[in-house]
Amino acid sequence: MQGTEITFSGAVEAILNDEECAQMMHIISDPRSIMPRALALSRMHQLLLRPTVDFPARDFYKLTEAARHSSYDYDALNDALAIRLEFEGASISEEMRTWISGVLSRKNLRPQARGGRDKNSGFIKRSLTALMVYRAAKHGLRPTRSLVSPAYSACDAVVAALARFGHYVTYDSVAKSWTTHAQDWMREELEP
């Protein structure tokens, strides 16, 4: 148990000291969503499409489908791909090439921006929460736990980090974000 506590404490501290996680916590914890959705989505896509990871085609397809219907998603996806293209040695999948070619040839046009409040703002918070669980799990914690187990999972680490940040959430809400919004590559990378 002692080793688990050290890993758990290390994961909480890593989340609190990580600049990208700090940005995610600002987005998640701000009930007024001061940070514009476009910036939040752009940041999320940059993290998901980081140049050092081969991004599975099935997950990339989900991003392109969202980009076909939302100007925010379209801009965020293209910004993240531009960063990936600038990174020397980053792999560009056939799906990414096809999307980029469609943008350049104007087959993939930017959807018309819609006014009003974004109906999918919860999606961003849940997706970023799942990304934080993934980052905590990289410190040796299991992503989730059974409800009768001690509170030493990556979801618990995210709950603890957000609480220290002043945003109180339950284990169940973080675990639900993980189960519904974690990308397939995150799960595969964490498998033993």
N, C-alpha and C. Protein backbone atom coordinates (compact mmCIF):
# COMPACT_ATOMS: atom_id res chain seq x y z
N MET A 1 0.83 -1.20 0.00
CA MET A 1 0.00 0.00 0.00
C MET A 1 0.87 1.26 0.00
N GLN A 2 1.99 1.21 0.68
CA GLN A 2 2.86 2.38 0.76
C GLN A 2 3.31 2.82 -0.63
N GLY A 3 3.71 1.88 -1.49
CA GLY A 3 4.15 2.23 -2.84
C GLY A 3 3.04 2.86 -3.66
N THR A 4 1.82 2.38 -3.46
CA THR A 4 0.67 2.94 -4.17
C THR A 4 0.45 4.39 -3.77
N GLU A 5 0.60 4.70 -2.48
CA GLU A 5 0.39 6.06 -2.01
C GLU A 5 1.42 7.01 -2.62
N ILE A 6 2.67 6.56 -2.72
CA ILE A 6 3.71 7.40 -3.31
C ILE A 6 3.38 7.66 -4.77
N THR A 7 2.97 6.62 -5.49
CA THR A 7 2.60 6.78 -6.90
C THR A 7 1.40 7.71 -7.02
N PHE A 8 0.42 7.54 -6.12
CA PHE A 8 -0.77 8.38 -6.15
C PHE A 8 -0.39 9.83 -5.88
N SER A 9 0.39 10.08 -4.83
CA SER A 9 0.82 11.44 -4.51
C SER A 9 1.63 12.04 -5.65
N GLY A 10 2.49 11.22 -6.25
CA GLY A 10 3.29 11.70 -7.39
C GLY A 10 2.41 12.08 -8.56
N ALA A 11 1.36 11.29 -8.80
CA ALA A 11 0.45 11.60 -9.91
C ALA A 11 -0.30 12.90 -9.65
N VAL A 12 -0.76 13.11 -8.42
CA VAL A 12 -1.47 14.35 -8.08
C VAL A 12 -0.53 15.54 -8.25
N GLU A 13 0.69 15.44 -7.73
CA GLU A 13 1.66 16.53 -7.86
C GLU A 13 2.01 16.78 -9.33
N ALA A 14 2.16 15.71 -10.10
CA ALA A 14 2.49 15.88 -11.53
C ALA A 14 1.37 16.62 -12.25
N ILE A 15 0.12 16.30 -11.92
CA ILE A 15 -1.01 16.99 -12.53
C ILE A 15 -0.98 18.48 -12.15
N LEU A 16 -0.74 18.74 -10.88
CA LEU A 16 -0.74 20.13 -10.42
C LEU A 16 0.41 20.94 -10.99
N ASN A 17 1.54 20.31 -11.25
CA ASN A 17 2.72 21.02 -11.73
C ASN A 17 2.85 21.02 -13.25
N ASP A 18 1.99 20.31 -13.95
CA ASP A 18 2.05 20.22 -15.40
C ASP A 18 1.32 21.41 -16.01
N GLU A 19 1.99 22.18 -16.86
CA GLU A 19 1.39 23.37 -17.44
C GLU A 19 0.15 23.05 -18.28
N GLU A 20 0.22 21.96 -19.06
CA GLU A 20 -0.93 21.60 -19.88
C GLU A 20 -2.11 21.18 -19.01
N CYS A 21 -1.83 20.43 -17.93
CA CYS A 21 -2.91 20.05 -17.03
C CYS A 21 -3.49 21.28 -16.33
N ALA A 22 -2.65 22.25 -16.01
CA ALA A 22 -3.14 23.49 -15.39
C ALA A 22 -4.12 24.19 -16.33
N GLN A 23 -3.78 24.23 -17.63
CA GLN A 23 -4.70 24.84 -18.60
C GLN A 23 -6.00 24.05 -18.67
N MET A 24 -5.90 22.72 -18.63
CA MET A 24 -7.10 21.89 -18.66
C MET A 24 -7.95 22.14 -17.42
N MET A 25 -7.30 22.27 -16.25
CA MET A 25 -8.06 22.52 -15.03
C MET A 25 -8.77 23.86 -15.08
N HIS A 26 -8.17 24.87 -15.69
CA HIS A 26 -8.84 26.17 -15.85
C HIS A 26 -10.11 26.00 -16.69
N ILE A 27 -10.00 25.26 -17.77
CA ILE A 27 -11.16 25.06 -18.65
C ILE A 27 -12.25 24.29 -17.91
N ILE A 28 -11.85 23.22 -17.22
CA ILE A 28 -12.81 22.36 -16.53
C ILE A 28 -13.48 23.08 -15.37
N SER A 29 -12.71 23.84 -14.61
CA SER A 29 -13.24 24.41 -13.37
C SER A 29 -13.98 25.72 -13.54
N ASP A 30 -13.90 26.36 -14.69
CA ASP A 30 -14.55 27.66 -14.86
C ASP A 30 -16.01 27.46 -15.27
N PRO A 31 -16.95 27.67 -14.35
CA PRO A 31 -18.35 27.43 -14.68
C PRO A 31 -18.90 28.41 -15.72
N ARG A 32 -18.25 29.54 -15.88
CA ARG A 32 -18.72 30.53 -16.85
C ARG A 32 -18.07 30.33 -18.22
N SER A 33 -17.16 29.35 -18.30
CA SER A 33 -16.45 29.05 -19.55
C SER A 33 -15.88 30.32 -20.18
N ILE A 34 -15.07 31.04 -19.40
CA ILE A 34 -14.45 32.26 -19.90
C ILE A 34 -13.55 31.95 -21.09
N MET A 35 -12.82 30.83 -21.02
CA MET A 35 -11.95 30.47 -22.13
C MET A 35 -12.83 30.08 -23.32
N PRO A 36 -12.65 30.72 -24.45
CA PRO A 36 -13.50 30.42 -25.60
C PRO A 36 -13.38 28.96 -26.02
N ARG A 37 -14.47 28.43 -26.54
CA ARG A 37 -14.50 27.03 -26.96
C ARG A 37 -13.43 26.76 -28.00
N ALA A 38 -13.20 27.71 -28.90
CA ALA A 38 -12.21 27.48 -29.95
C ALA A 38 -10.83 27.24 -29.36
N LEU A 39 -10.44 28.02 -28.36
CA LEU A 39 -9.14 27.84 -27.74
C LEU A 39 -9.07 26.52 -26.99
N ALA A 40 -10.14 26.18 -26.29
CA ALA A 40 -10.17 24.92 -25.55
C ALA A 40 -10.07 23.74 -26.49
N LEU A 41 -10.85 23.77 -27.56
CA LEU A 41 -10.79 22.68 -28.54
C LEU A 41 -9.43 22.59 -29.20
N SER A 42 -8.87 23.74 -29.54
CA SER A 42 -7.55 23.75 -30.17
C SER A 42 -6.53 23.11 -29.25
N ARG A 43 -6.58 23.46 -27.98
CA ARG A 43 -5.63 22.89 -27.02
C ARG A 43 -5.83 21.39 -26.90
N MET A 44 -7.10 20.96 -26.85
CA MET A 44 -7.39 19.54 -26.73
C MET A 44 -6.88 18.78 -27.96
N HIS A 45 -7.13 19.31 -29.15
CA HIS A 45 -6.67 18.64 -30.36
C HIS A 45 -5.14 18.60 -30.42
N GLN A 46 -4.48 19.66 -29.99
CA GLN A 46 -3.02 19.66 -29.98
C GLN A 46 -2.48 18.57 -29.08
N LEU A 47 -3.13 18.35 -27.95
CA LEU A 47 -2.70 17.30 -27.04
C LEU A 47 -2.98 15.92 -27.61
N LEU A 48 -4.14 15.76 -28.24
CA LEU A 48 -4.49 14.47 -28.81
C LEU A 48 -3.64 14.12 -30.02
N LEU A 49 -3.34 15.12 -30.82
CA LEU A 49 -2.59 14.88 -32.06
C LEU A 49 -1.11 15.23 -31.91
N ARG A 50 -0.61 15.16 -30.68
CA ARG A 50 0.78 15.53 -30.47
C ARG A 50 1.68 14.71 -31.39
N PRO A 51 2.74 15.32 -31.89
CA PRO A 51 3.57 14.71 -32.93
C PRO A 51 4.25 13.41 -32.55
N THR A 52 4.38 13.12 -31.28
CA THR A 52 5.11 11.93 -30.87
C THR A 52 4.25 10.68 -30.79
N VAL A 53 2.97 10.78 -31.14
CA VAL A 53 2.06 9.65 -31.04
C VAL A 53 1.48 9.33 -32.42
N ASP A 54 1.43 8.04 -32.75
CA ASP A 54 0.71 7.61 -33.95
C ASP A 54 -0.77 7.58 -33.59
N PHE A 55 -1.54 8.41 -34.25
CA PHE A 55 -2.95 8.56 -33.90
C PHE A 55 -3.78 7.56 -34.70
N PRO A 56 -4.56 6.68 -34.03
CA PRO A 56 -5.34 5.66 -34.74
C PRO A 56 -6.36 6.28 -35.69
N ALA A 57 -6.55 5.63 -36.83
CA ALA A 57 -7.47 6.13 -37.86
C ALA A 57 -8.89 6.26 -37.33
N ARG A 58 -9.34 5.30 -36.52
CA ARG A 58 -10.73 5.34 -36.04
C ARG A 58 -10.97 6.57 -35.15
N ASP A 59 -9.94 6.98 -34.38
CA ASP A 59 -10.09 8.18 -33.54
C ASP A 59 -10.00 9.44 -34.39
N PHE A 60 -9.13 9.43 -35.40
CA PHE A 60 -9.01 10.60 -36.27
C PHE A 60 -10.31 10.81 -37.05
N TYR A 61 -10.96 9.72 -37.42
CA TYR A 61 -12.23 9.80 -38.13
C TYR A 61 -13.26 10.55 -37.28
N LYS A 62 -13.29 10.31 -35.97
CA LYS A 62 -14.23 11.00 -35.07
C LYS A 62 -13.97 12.51 -35.09
N LEU A 63 -12.69 12.89 -35.12
CA LEU A 63 -12.35 14.31 -35.14
C LEU A 63 -12.77 14.96 -36.47
N THR A 64 -12.58 14.24 -37.57
CA THR A 64 -12.96 14.81 -38.87
C THR A 64 -14.48 14.92 -39.00
N GLU A 65 -15.20 13.97 -38.44
CA GLU A 65 -16.66 14.05 -38.49
C GLU A 65 -17.15 15.28 -37.71
N ALA A 66 -16.56 15.52 -36.56
CA ALA A 66 -16.94 16.71 -35.78
C ALA A 66 -16.57 17.98 -36.55
N ALA A 67 -15.42 17.96 -37.23
CA ALA A 67 -14.96 19.14 -37.98
C ALA A 67 -15.86 19.45 -39.18
N ARG A 68 -16.54 18.48 -39.69
CA ARG A 68 -17.45 18.70 -40.83
C ARG A 68 -18.71 19.45 -40.41
N HIS A 69 -18.99 19.46 -39.09
CA HIS A 69 -20.23 20.06 -38.61
C HIS A 69 -20.04 21.27 -37.71
N SER A 70 -18.82 21.54 -37.30
CA SER A 70 -18.58 22.64 -36.37
C SER A 70 -17.36 23.44 -36.81
N SER A 71 -17.54 24.73 -36.94
CA SER A 71 -16.41 25.59 -37.33
C SER A 71 -15.32 25.57 -36.26
N TYR A 72 -15.70 25.45 -34.99
CA TYR A 72 -14.72 25.36 -33.91
C TYR A 72 -13.85 24.11 -34.07
N ASP A 73 -14.52 22.98 -34.29
CA ASP A 73 -13.79 21.72 -34.45
C ASP A 73 -12.92 21.75 -35.71
N TYR A 74 -13.42 22.35 -36.76
CA TYR A 74 -12.67 22.47 -38.01
C TYR A 74 -11.38 23.25 -37.80
N ASP A 75 -11.48 24.40 -37.16
CA ASP A 75 -10.29 25.22 -36.90
C ASP A 75 -9.32 24.51 -35.96
N ALA A 76 -9.85 23.88 -34.91
CA ALA A 76 -8.99 23.21 -33.94
C ALA A 76 -8.24 22.04 -34.59
N LEU A 77 -8.93 21.26 -35.40
CA LEU A 77 -8.29 20.13 -36.07
C LEU A 77 -7.19 20.61 -37.01
N ASN A 78 -7.47 21.63 -37.78
CA ASN A 78 -6.47 22.13 -38.73
C ASN A 78 -5.28 22.76 -38.01
N ASP A 79 -5.52 23.45 -36.90
CA ASP A 79 -4.41 24.01 -36.11
C ASP A 79 -3.52 22.89 -35.57
N ALA A 80 -4.15 21.84 -35.03
CA ALA A 80 -3.37 20.73 -34.48
C ALA A 80 -2.57 20.01 -35.57
N LEU A 81 -3.17 19.84 -36.74
CA LEU A 81 -2.45 19.20 -37.85
C LEU A 81 -1.29 20.07 -38.34
N ALA A 82 -1.49 21.38 -38.34
CA ALA A 82 -0.40 22.28 -38.75
C ALA A 82 0.79 22.13 -37.80
N ILE A 83 0.52 22.05 -36.51
CA ILE A 83 1.60 21.86 -35.54
C ILE A 83 2.28 20.51 -35.77
N ARG A 84 1.50 19.49 -36.04
CA ARG A 84 2.07 18.16 -36.30
C ARG A 84 2.95 18.17 -37.55
N LEU A 85 2.52 18.89 -38.58
CA LEU A 85 3.30 18.96 -39.82
C LEU A 85 4.63 19.68 -39.61
N GLU A 86 4.64 20.67 -38.73
CA GLU A 86 5.86 21.43 -38.48
C GLU A 86 6.88 20.64 -37.66
N PHE A 87 6.44 19.61 -36.97
CA PHE A 87 7.33 18.83 -36.11
C PHE A 87 8.10 17.82 -36.95
N GLU A 88 9.39 17.95 -36.96
CA GLU A 88 10.23 17.06 -37.77
C GLU A 88 10.14 15.63 -37.25
N GLY A 89 9.87 14.73 -38.13
CA GLY A 89 9.80 13.32 -37.77
C GLY A 89 8.42 12.84 -37.35
N ALA A 90 7.43 13.72 -37.31
CA ALA A 90 6.08 13.30 -36.92
C ALA A 90 5.46 12.50 -38.05
N SER A 91 4.79 11.42 -37.69
CA SER A 91 4.15 10.62 -38.72
C SER A 91 2.82 11.26 -39.13
N ILE A 92 2.56 11.20 -40.41
CA ILE A 92 1.30 11.71 -40.97
C ILE A 92 0.60 10.51 -41.61
N SER A 93 -0.53 10.12 -41.05
CA SER A 93 -1.24 8.95 -41.57
C SER A 93 -1.93 9.28 -42.89
N GLU A 94 -2.37 8.25 -43.55
CA GLU A 94 -3.08 8.42 -44.82
C GLU A 94 -4.37 9.21 -44.60
N GLU A 95 -5.03 8.97 -43.47
CA GLU A 95 -6.26 9.69 -43.16
C GLU A 95 -5.99 11.18 -42.98
N MET A 96 -4.85 11.50 -42.32
CA MET A 96 -4.48 12.90 -42.12
C MET A 96 -4.14 13.55 -43.46
N ARG A 97 -3.42 12.82 -44.31
CA ARG A 97 -3.09 13.34 -45.65
C ARG A 97 -4.36 13.63 -46.44
N THR A 98 -5.31 12.72 -46.36
CA THR A 98 -6.57 12.90 -47.09
C THR A 98 -7.31 14.14 -46.58
N TRP A 99 -7.35 14.33 -45.27
CA TRP A 99 -8.02 15.52 -44.71
C TRP A 99 -7.32 16.79 -45.16
N ILE A 100 -6.00 16.82 -45.03
CA ILE A 100 -5.23 18.02 -45.41
C ILE A 100 -5.41 18.31 -46.90
N SER A 101 -5.38 17.28 -47.73
CA SER A 101 -5.60 17.45 -49.16
C SER A 101 -6.98 18.03 -49.43
N GLY A 102 -7.99 17.55 -48.69
CA GLY A 102 -9.35 18.06 -48.85
C GLY A 102 -9.47 19.52 -48.46
N VAL A 103 -8.74 19.92 -47.42
CA VAL A 103 -8.76 21.32 -47.01
C VAL A 103 -8.10 22.18 -48.08
N LEU A 104 -6.94 21.75 -48.57
CA LEU A 104 -6.22 22.53 -49.58
C LEU A 104 -6.97 22.61 -50.91
N SER A 105 -7.67 21.54 -51.26
CA SER A 105 -8.41 21.53 -52.53
C SER A 105 -9.83 22.07 -52.37
N ARG A 106 -10.17 22.50 -51.18
CA ARG A 106 -11.48 23.08 -50.84
C ARG A 106 -12.62 22.07 -50.92
N LYS A 107 -12.30 20.80 -50.78
CA LYS A 107 -13.35 19.78 -50.66
C LYS A 107 -13.87 19.73 -49.22
N ASN A 108 -12.98 19.98 -48.28
CA ASN A 108 -13.36 20.04 -46.87
C ASN A 108 -13.47 21.51 -46.47
N LEU A 109 -14.64 22.08 -46.66
CA LEU A 109 -14.84 23.49 -46.36
C LEU A 109 -15.20 23.69 -44.89
N ARG A 110 -14.85 24.85 -44.39
CA ARG A 110 -15.16 25.21 -43.00
C ARG A 110 -16.67 25.41 -42.88
N PRO A 111 -17.30 24.72 -41.92
CA PRO A 111 -18.74 24.91 -41.73
C PRO A 111 -19.06 26.33 -41.29
N GLN A 112 -20.24 26.77 -41.59
CA GLN A 112 -20.69 28.10 -41.20
C GLN A 112 -20.75 28.18 -39.68
N ALA A 113 -20.21 29.25 -39.11
CA ALA A 113 -20.26 29.45 -37.66
C ALA A 113 -21.69 29.76 -37.25
N ARG A 114 -22.09 29.19 -36.13
CA ARG A 114 -23.43 29.44 -35.61
C ARG A 114 -23.33 30.31 -34.37
N GLY A 115 -24.27 31.21 -34.22
CA GLY A 115 -24.28 32.07 -33.04
C GLY A 115 -24.90 31.38 -31.85
N GLY A 116 -24.86 32.03 -30.73
CA GLY A 116 -25.48 31.48 -29.53
C GLY A 116 -24.52 30.69 -28.68
N ARG A 117 -25.05 30.20 -27.58
CA ARG A 117 -24.24 29.43 -26.63
C ARG A 117 -23.97 28.03 -27.19
N ASP A 118 -22.77 27.57 -26.98
CA ASP A 118 -22.39 26.26 -27.46
C ASP A 118 -23.10 25.17 -26.65
N LYS A 119 -23.77 24.28 -27.36
CA LYS A 119 -24.51 23.21 -26.69
C LYS A 119 -23.60 22.06 -26.28
N ASN A 120 -22.38 22.03 -26.80
CA ASN A 120 -21.48 20.92 -26.52
C ASN A 120 -20.33 21.29 -25.58
N SER A 121 -20.49 22.32 -24.77
CA SER A 121 -19.39 22.73 -23.90
C SER A 121 -19.04 21.64 -22.89
N GLY A 122 -20.00 20.83 -22.50
CA GLY A 122 -19.73 19.72 -21.59
C GLY A 122 -18.80 18.69 -22.22
N PHE A 123 -18.89 18.54 -23.53
CA PHE A 123 -18.02 17.60 -24.24
C PHE A 123 -16.55 17.95 -24.02
N ILE A 124 -16.24 19.23 -24.08
CA ILE A 124 -14.86 19.68 -23.89
C ILE A 124 -14.39 19.32 -22.49
N LYS A 125 -15.18 19.64 -21.50
CA LYS A 125 -14.78 19.38 -20.12
C LYS A 125 -14.61 17.89 -19.87
N ARG A 126 -15.51 17.07 -20.39
CA ARG A 126 -15.40 15.62 -20.19
C ARG A 126 -14.20 15.05 -20.94
N SER A 127 -13.93 15.56 -22.14
CA SER A 127 -12.78 15.08 -22.92
C SER A 127 -11.46 15.48 -22.24
N LEU A 128 -11.39 16.69 -21.73
CA LEU A 128 -10.18 17.12 -21.04
C LEU A 128 -10.01 16.37 -19.73
N THR A 129 -11.10 16.06 -19.06
CA THR A 129 -11.01 15.26 -17.84
C THR A 129 -10.46 13.88 -18.16
N ALA A 130 -10.92 13.28 -19.26
CA ALA A 130 -10.40 11.97 -19.68
C ALA A 130 -8.91 12.06 -20.00
N LEU A 131 -8.51 13.15 -20.62
CA LEU A 131 -7.10 13.34 -20.94
C LEU A 131 -6.27 13.48 -19.66
N MET A 132 -6.80 14.15 -18.66
CA MET A 132 -6.09 14.26 -17.38
C MET A 132 -5.98 12.90 -16.70
N VAL A 133 -7.03 12.07 -16.79
CA VAL A 133 -6.97 10.71 -16.22
C VAL A 133 -5.87 9.92 -16.92
N TYR A 134 -5.79 10.05 -18.23
CA TYR A 134 -4.74 9.36 -19.00
C TYR A 134 -3.36 9.78 -18.50
N ARG A 135 -3.16 11.07 -18.34
CA ARG A 135 -1.85 11.57 -17.89
C ARG A 135 -1.53 11.08 -16.48
N ALA A 136 -2.54 11.01 -15.60
CA ALA A 136 -2.31 10.48 -14.25
C ALA A 136 -2.00 8.99 -14.30
N ALA A 137 -2.66 8.27 -15.18
CA ALA A 137 -2.43 6.82 -15.30
C ALA A 137 -1.02 6.52 -15.80
N LYS A 138 -0.42 7.46 -16.52
CA LYS A 138 0.95 7.29 -17.00
C LYS A 138 1.95 7.22 -15.83
N HIS A 139 1.51 7.57 -14.62
CA HIS A 139 2.35 7.51 -13.42
C HIS A 139 2.19 6.19 -12.70
N GLY A 140 1.63 5.19 -13.36
CA GLY A 140 1.53 3.86 -12.79
C GLY A 140 0.22 3.53 -12.10
N LEU A 141 -0.76 4.41 -12.20
CA LEU A 141 -2.06 4.14 -11.58
C LEU A 141 -3.00 3.52 -12.60
N ARG A 142 -3.91 2.70 -12.13
CA ARG A 142 -4.97 2.19 -13.01
C ARG A 142 -5.94 3.35 -13.27
N PRO A 143 -6.52 3.44 -14.45
CA PRO A 143 -7.43 4.56 -14.73
C PRO A 143 -8.62 4.63 -13.77
N THR A 144 -9.25 3.48 -13.48
CA THR A 144 -10.42 3.45 -12.61
C THR A 144 -10.22 2.38 -11.54
N ARG A 145 -11.19 2.26 -10.67
CA ARG A 145 -11.16 1.26 -9.61
C ARG A 145 -12.59 0.81 -9.34
N SER A 146 -12.72 -0.28 -8.62
CA SER A 146 -14.06 -0.67 -8.17
C SER A 146 -14.44 0.24 -7.01
N LEU A 147 -15.70 0.40 -6.79
CA LEU A 147 -16.17 1.35 -5.77
C LEU A 147 -15.78 0.94 -4.35
N VAL A 148 -15.47 -0.35 -4.13
CA VAL A 148 -15.09 -0.80 -2.80
C VAL A 148 -13.58 -0.76 -2.58
N SER A 149 -12.81 -0.49 -3.62
CA SER A 149 -11.35 -0.43 -3.53
C SER A 149 -10.91 0.89 -2.91
N PRO A 150 -9.68 0.91 -2.36
CA PRO A 150 -9.15 2.19 -1.85
C PRO A 150 -9.04 3.21 -2.98
N ALA A 151 -9.12 4.47 -2.62
CA ALA A 151 -9.15 5.56 -3.60
C ALA A 151 -7.75 5.90 -4.10
N TYR A 152 -7.17 5.00 -4.92
CA TYR A 152 -5.83 5.22 -5.47
C TYR A 152 -5.79 4.97 -6.97
N SER A 153 -6.76 5.45 -7.71
CA SER A 153 -6.76 5.30 -9.16
C SER A 153 -6.40 6.64 -9.81
N ALA A 154 -6.21 6.62 -11.11
CA ALA A 154 -5.94 7.87 -11.83
C ALA A 154 -7.13 8.82 -11.72
N CYS A 155 -8.34 8.29 -11.73
CA CYS A 155 -9.53 9.14 -11.55
C CYS A 155 -9.50 9.82 -10.18
N ASP A 156 -9.09 9.08 -9.16
CA ASP A 156 -8.98 9.67 -7.82
C ASP A 156 -7.92 10.76 -7.79
N ALA A 157 -6.82 10.55 -8.52
CA ALA A 157 -5.75 11.56 -8.58
C ALA A 157 -6.27 12.84 -9.23
N VAL A 158 -7.08 12.70 -10.27
CA VAL A 158 -7.66 13.88 -10.93
C VAL A 158 -8.63 14.59 -9.98
N VAL A 159 -9.44 13.81 -9.26
CA VAL A 159 -10.36 14.41 -8.28
C VAL A 159 -9.56 15.20 -7.24
N ALA A 160 -8.48 14.61 -6.74
CA ALA A 160 -7.66 15.28 -5.73
C ALA A 160 -6.99 16.53 -6.28
N ALA A 161 -6.48 16.45 -7.51
CA ALA A 161 -5.83 17.62 -8.12
C ALA A 161 -6.83 18.74 -8.35
N LEU A 162 -8.00 18.41 -8.87
CA LEU A 162 -9.02 19.44 -9.09
C LEU A 162 -9.47 20.04 -7.77
N ALA A 163 -9.56 19.24 -6.70
CA ALA A 163 -9.96 19.76 -5.39
C ALA A 163 -8.91 20.74 -4.88
N ARG A 164 -7.65 20.42 -5.06
CA ARG A 164 -6.59 21.35 -4.63
C ARG A 164 -6.59 22.61 -5.48
N PHE A 165 -7.17 22.50 -6.66
CA PHE A 165 -7.29 23.65 -7.56
C PHE A 165 -8.54 24.46 -7.23
N GLY A 166 -9.40 23.92 -6.34
CA GLY A 166 -10.61 24.63 -5.94
C GLY A 166 -11.86 24.20 -6.68
N HIS A 167 -11.78 23.12 -7.44
CA HIS A 167 -12.93 22.62 -8.19
C HIS A 167 -13.25 21.22 -7.68
N TYR A 168 -14.43 21.05 -7.10
CA TYR A 168 -14.78 19.79 -6.46
C TYR A 168 -15.69 18.97 -7.36
N VAL A 169 -15.23 17.76 -7.68
CA VAL A 169 -15.99 16.82 -8.50
C VAL A 169 -15.97 15.47 -7.77
N THR A 170 -16.86 14.59 -8.19
CA THR A 170 -16.91 13.26 -7.58
C THR A 170 -16.10 12.27 -8.40
N TYR A 171 -15.73 11.18 -7.75
CA TYR A 171 -15.04 10.10 -8.45
C TYR A 171 -15.91 9.61 -9.62
N ASP A 172 -17.22 9.45 -9.35
CA ASP A 172 -18.12 8.93 -10.37
C ASP A 172 -18.14 9.80 -11.63
N SER A 173 -18.13 11.12 -11.47
CA SER A 173 -18.18 12.00 -12.65
C SER A 173 -16.88 11.91 -13.45
N VAL A 174 -15.75 11.80 -12.75
CA VAL A 174 -14.47 11.68 -13.46
C VAL A 174 -14.38 10.32 -14.14
N ALA A 175 -14.79 9.26 -13.44
CA ALA A 175 -14.76 7.91 -14.03
C ALA A 175 -15.69 7.84 -15.24
N LYS A 176 -16.84 8.50 -15.17
CA LYS A 176 -17.76 8.51 -16.32
C LYS A 176 -17.13 9.25 -17.51
N SER A 177 -16.42 10.35 -17.23
CA SER A 177 -15.71 11.06 -18.30
C SER A 177 -14.69 10.14 -18.96
N TRP A 178 -13.98 9.35 -18.14
CA TRP A 178 -12.99 8.43 -18.68
C TRP A 178 -13.66 7.36 -19.55
N THR A 179 -14.71 6.75 -19.05
CA THR A 179 -15.32 5.64 -19.79
C THR A 179 -16.02 6.11 -21.06
N THR A 180 -16.53 7.33 -21.08
CA THR A 180 -17.27 7.79 -22.26
C THR A 180 -16.45 8.64 -23.23
N HIS A 181 -15.34 9.25 -22.76
CA HIS A 181 -14.63 10.20 -23.62
C HIS A 181 -13.15 9.89 -23.85
N ALA A 182 -12.64 8.82 -23.25
CA ALA A 182 -11.23 8.48 -23.51
C ALA A 182 -11.09 7.97 -24.94
N GLN A 183 -10.05 8.43 -25.61
CA GLN A 183 -9.78 7.98 -26.97
C GLN A 183 -9.25 6.55 -26.93
N ASP A 184 -9.48 5.78 -27.98
CA ASP A 184 -9.03 4.39 -28.03
C ASP A 184 -7.52 4.27 -27.83
N TRP A 185 -6.73 5.20 -28.41
CA TRP A 185 -5.28 5.09 -28.26
C TRP A 185 -4.85 5.27 -26.82
N MET A 186 -5.62 6.03 -26.03
CA MET A 186 -5.28 6.20 -24.62
C MET A 186 -5.42 4.85 -23.89
N ARG A 187 -6.54 4.21 -24.14
CA ARG A 187 -6.80 2.91 -23.50
C ARG A 187 -5.75 1.88 -23.91
N GLU A 188 -5.45 1.82 -25.21
CA GLU A 188 -4.49 0.85 -25.72
C GLU A 188 -3.10 1.08 -25.14
N GLU A 189 -2.70 2.33 -25.01
CA GLU A 189 -1.37 2.65 -24.50
C GLU A 189 -1.24 2.28 -23.02
N LEU A 190 -2.35 2.28 -22.29
CA LEU A 190 -2.32 1.97 -20.86
C LEU A 190 -2.50 0.49 -20.55
N GLU A 191 -2.85 -0.31 -21.57
CA GLU A 191 -3.04 -1.74 -21.33
C GLU A 191 -1.72 -2.39 -20.94
N PRO A 192 -1.78 -3.33 -19.95
CA PRO A 192 -0.54 -3.98 -19.51
C PRO A 192 0.06 -4.89 -20.56
